[in-house]
């Protein structure tokens, strides 16, 4: 087993690294998301390969399953046919959102990799810099990319049933790689995340 060392919680770099890991985990999924829209590479095979690698590294997801459900979300956004939508409070909605995608194979994959990694990485490091950031990343993605934009009733002319963050490019990037500009994403899903700020009205 790996040598167990105590993380120095008095070291500010620990917290910086922790926050950075959350942001990088979120970015990994955002890259997979863009692959689902064909915006990572003009080569379909490369685009799909990158998407599969990112979903695997993010949480052992099936890219094909995510691809299908994400495009259902775009076709039926904010309705009962939307796999990402649930007409309830934050906590119930988040639970249903997670249960829509998580599988027993993912949990087994996490358990296997975690136990193998403990031979070379201290348990505390795995927990603080991988497990917890991955969980918080899912909350970040859910809150800014699903719950906030889709939680309210929208004008009948808003066919995407989606809201959007106020225009603040710095906050929009930090909060979720411009994914909070969600109405703009639904209007132009072919625009990659790093160009999405240009669509903000």
Protein backbone atom coordinates (compact mmCIF):
# COMPACT_ATOMS: atom_id res chain seq x y z
CA UNK A 1 0.00 0.00 0.00
CA UNK A 2 1.07 3.63 -0.50
CA UNK A 3 2.75 5.38 2.39
CA UNK A 4 0.08 7.33 4.29
CA UNK A 5 0.98 10.97 4.83
CA UNK A 6 -0.93 13.69 6.61
CA UNK A 7 -2.15 16.54 4.42
CA UNK A 8 -1.07 19.89 5.87
CA UNK A 9 -4.41 21.69 6.05
CA UNK A 10 -2.59 24.86 7.13
CA UNK A 11 -0.99 25.03 3.68
CA UNK A 12 -3.07 27.35 1.42
CA UNK A 13 -1.83 25.48 -1.65
CA UNK A 14 -3.94 22.49 -0.51
CA UNK A 15 -7.11 24.55 -0.88
CA UNK A 16 -5.99 26.04 -4.18
CA UNK A 17 -5.30 22.54 -5.52
CA UNK A 18 -8.66 21.30 -4.20
CA UNK A 19 -10.58 24.09 -5.98
CA UNK A 20 -8.49 23.63 -9.11
CA UNK A 21 -9.36 19.92 -9.17
CA UNK A 22 -13.07 20.74 -9.05
CA UNK A 23 -12.69 23.18 -11.94
CA UNK A 24 -10.62 20.73 -13.99
CA UNK A 25 -13.16 17.94 -13.41
CA UNK A 26 -15.91 20.26 -14.59
CA UNK A 27 -13.85 21.20 -17.64
CA UNK A 28 -13.37 17.54 -18.46
CA UNK A 29 -17.12 17.04 -18.64
CA UNK A 30 -17.63 20.29 -20.57
CA UNK A 31 -15.18 18.95 -23.17
CA UNK A 32 -17.19 15.72 -23.39
CA UNK A 33 -20.34 17.81 -23.72
CA UNK A 34 -18.87 19.78 -26.61
CA UNK A 35 -17.87 16.50 -28.25
CA UNK A 36 -21.55 15.50 -28.14
CA UNK A 37 -22.23 18.59 -30.24
CA UNK A 38 -19.36 17.88 -32.61
CA UNK A 39 -17.36 20.99 -31.70
CA UNK A 40 -14.14 19.48 -30.33
CA UNK A 41 -12.84 18.39 -33.73
CA UNK A 42 -14.10 18.62 -37.29
CA UNK A 43 -13.06 14.98 -37.65
CA UNK A 44 -16.00 12.91 -36.38
CA UNK A 45 -13.83 10.00 -35.28
CA UNK A 46 -11.45 12.22 -33.31
CA UNK A 47 -14.38 14.13 -31.85
CA UNK A 48 -16.06 10.91 -30.70
CA UNK A 49 -12.81 9.46 -29.34
CA UNK A 50 -12.12 12.56 -27.25
CA UNK A 51 -15.70 12.49 -25.97
CA UNK A 52 -15.38 8.86 -24.92
CA UNK A 53 -12.04 9.45 -23.20
CA UNK A 54 -13.41 12.46 -21.30
CA UNK A 55 -16.58 10.71 -20.12
CA UNK A 56 -14.54 7.70 -19.05
CA UNK A 57 -12.04 9.81 -17.10
CA UNK A 58 -14.77 11.99 -15.61
CA UNK A 59 -16.88 9.26 -14.04
CA UNK A 60 -16.73 6.06 -16.10
CA UNK A 61 -19.76 7.21 -18.10
CA UNK A 62 -20.90 5.63 -21.33
CA UNK A 63 -20.44 8.31 -23.99
CA UNK A 64 -23.07 6.73 -26.24
CA UNK A 65 -25.67 6.77 -23.46
CA UNK A 66 -24.86 10.36 -22.55
CA UNK A 67 -24.95 11.38 -26.21
CA UNK A 68 -28.44 9.94 -26.66
CA UNK A 69 -29.86 11.45 -23.48
CA UNK A 70 -28.23 14.84 -24.02
CA UNK A 71 -29.80 15.19 -27.44
CA UNK A 72 -33.15 14.18 -25.93
CA UNK A 73 -32.60 17.04 -23.48
CA UNK A 74 -32.12 19.45 -26.39
CA UNK A 75 -35.17 18.16 -28.25
CA UNK A 76 -37.50 18.23 -25.22
CA UNK A 77 -35.87 20.82 -22.97
CA UNK A 78 -37.72 21.53 -19.74
CA UNK A 79 -40.56 19.07 -20.42
CA UNK A 80 -41.54 15.66 -19.05
CA UNK A 81 -39.69 14.03 -21.94
CA UNK A 82 -36.43 15.77 -20.94
CA UNK A 83 -34.25 13.20 -19.08
CA UNK A 84 -32.49 16.05 -17.25
CA UNK A 85 -35.64 17.79 -16.05
CA UNK A 86 -37.53 17.11 -12.83
CA UNK A 87 -40.28 19.36 -11.51
CA UNK A 88 -39.15 19.47 -7.88
CA UNK A 89 -36.82 21.18 -5.43
CA UNK A 90 -33.03 21.25 -5.84
CA UNK A 91 -32.23 18.17 -3.76
CA UNK A 92 -34.90 15.87 -5.23
CA UNK A 93 -34.07 17.06 -8.73
CA UNK A 94 -30.34 16.47 -8.19
CA UNK A 95 -31.01 12.97 -6.84
CA UNK A 96 -33.18 12.10 -9.85
CA UNK A 97 -30.62 13.65 -12.17
CA UNK A 98 -27.84 11.47 -10.74
CA UNK A 99 -30.00 8.33 -10.75
CA UNK A 100 -30.79 8.94 -14.43
CA UNK A 101 -27.15 8.44 -15.36
CA UNK A 102 -25.30 6.45 -12.71
CA UNK A 103 -24.93 2.68 -13.09
CA UNK A 104 -23.65 -0.17 -10.97
CA UNK A 105 -20.74 -0.54 -13.42
CA UNK A 106 -19.64 3.02 -12.71
CA UNK A 107 -19.66 2.41 -8.97
CA UNK A 108 -17.68 -0.79 -9.45
CA UNK A 109 -15.25 1.08 -11.69
CA UNK A 110 -14.73 3.77 -9.06
CA UNK A 111 -14.21 1.16 -6.34
CA UNK A 112 -11.72 -0.80 -8.44
CA UNK A 113 -9.65 2.23 -9.48
CA UNK A 114 -9.74 3.70 -5.98
CA UNK A 115 -8.43 0.50 -4.43
CA UNK A 116 -5.75 0.07 -7.08
CA UNK A 117 -4.65 3.70 -6.74
CA UNK A 118 -4.24 3.28 -2.98
CA UNK A 119 -1.13 1.21 -3.73
CA UNK A 120 0.60 4.34 -5.04
CA UNK A 121 -1.38 7.35 -3.76
CA UNK A 122 -2.24 8.08 -0.11
CA UNK A 123 -5.90 7.54 0.80
CA UNK A 124 -6.30 11.16 1.95
CA UNK A 125 -5.01 12.47 -1.37
CA UNK A 126 -7.39 10.30 -3.36
CA UNK A 127 -10.31 11.45 -1.27
CA UNK A 128 -9.44 15.16 -1.17
CA UNK A 129 -8.16 15.60 -4.71
CA UNK A 130 -10.25 13.12 -6.67
CA UNK A 131 -13.41 11.82 -4.96
CA UNK A 132 -14.68 15.02 -3.35
CA UNK A 133 -13.83 17.25 -6.36
CA UNK A 134 -15.64 14.82 -8.67
CA UNK A 135 -18.77 14.98 -6.52
CA UNK A 136 -18.65 18.78 -6.20
CA UNK A 137 -18.06 19.04 -9.93
CA UNK A 138 -21.31 17.18 -10.56
CA UNK A 139 -23.08 19.67 -8.30
CA UNK A 140 -21.48 22.56 -10.17
CA UNK A 141 -22.55 21.21 -13.53
CA UNK A 142 -26.05 20.42 -12.31
CA UNK A 143 -26.62 23.77 -10.60
CA UNK A 144 -25.36 26.04 -13.39
CA UNK A 145 -26.19 23.86 -16.39
CA UNK A 146 -29.52 22.29 -15.46
CA UNK A 147 -31.19 23.55 -12.30
CA UNK A 148 -30.70 27.31 -12.61
CA UNK A 149 -31.58 27.67 -16.30
CA UNK A 150 -34.50 25.23 -16.33
CA UNK A 151 -36.09 25.55 -12.88
CA UNK A 152 -38.60 28.32 -13.60
CA UNK A 153 -41.52 28.63 -15.94
CA UNK A 154 -40.47 30.45 -19.08
CA UNK A 155 -42.24 32.66 -21.55
CA UNK A 156 -44.31 30.68 -24.03
CA UNK A 157 -42.17 32.02 -26.87
CA UNK A 158 -39.07 30.57 -25.20
CA UNK A 159 -39.16 27.20 -26.95
CA UNK A 160 -36.05 26.04 -25.10
CA UNK A 161 -37.60 26.51 -21.65
CA UNK A 162 -34.28 27.91 -20.54
CA UNK A 163 -33.00 30.91 -18.68
CA UNK A 164 -29.48 32.31 -18.69
CA UNK A 165 -26.98 33.99 -16.38
CA UNK A 166 -26.57 37.74 -16.38
CA UNK A 167 -23.80 38.98 -18.62
CA UNK A 168 -20.57 38.71 -16.67
CA UNK A 169 -17.93 36.83 -18.63
CA UNK A 170 -15.50 36.41 -15.74
CA UNK A 171 -18.12 34.88 -13.45
CA UNK A 172 -19.64 32.87 -16.30
CA UNK A 173 -16.27 31.29 -16.99
CA UNK A 174 -15.38 30.63 -13.35
CA UNK A 175 -18.80 29.27 -12.44
CA UNK A 176 -19.08 26.74 -15.27
CA UNK A 177 -17.11 27.53 -18.43
CA UNK A 178 -19.85 29.84 -19.79
CA UNK A 179 -22.37 26.99 -19.47
CA UNK A 180 -24.58 29.30 -17.42
CA UNK A 181 -25.20 31.19 -20.66
CA UNK A 182 -27.61 28.38 -21.20
CA UNK A 183 -30.29 29.88 -23.40
CA UNK A 184 -27.53 30.89 -25.77
CA UNK A 185 -26.25 27.32 -25.76
CA UNK A 186 -29.70 25.96 -26.63
CA UNK A 187 -30.11 28.51 -29.39
CA UNK A 188 -26.72 27.67 -30.89
CA UNK A 189 -25.55 24.27 -29.62
CA UNK A 190 -22.88 24.15 -32.33
CA UNK A 191 -20.93 26.95 -30.60
CA UNK A 192 -18.13 25.54 -28.39
CA UNK A 193 -17.85 26.65 -24.77
CA UNK A 194 -14.88 28.95 -25.40
CA UNK A 195 -16.89 30.90 -28.00
CA UNK A 196 -20.22 30.92 -26.13
CA UNK A 197 -19.60 34.28 -24.45
CA UNK A 198 -19.74 35.92 -27.88
CA UNK A 199 -23.39 34.87 -28.18
CA UNK A 200 -24.42 36.60 -24.96
CA UNK A 201 -26.94 39.30 -25.73
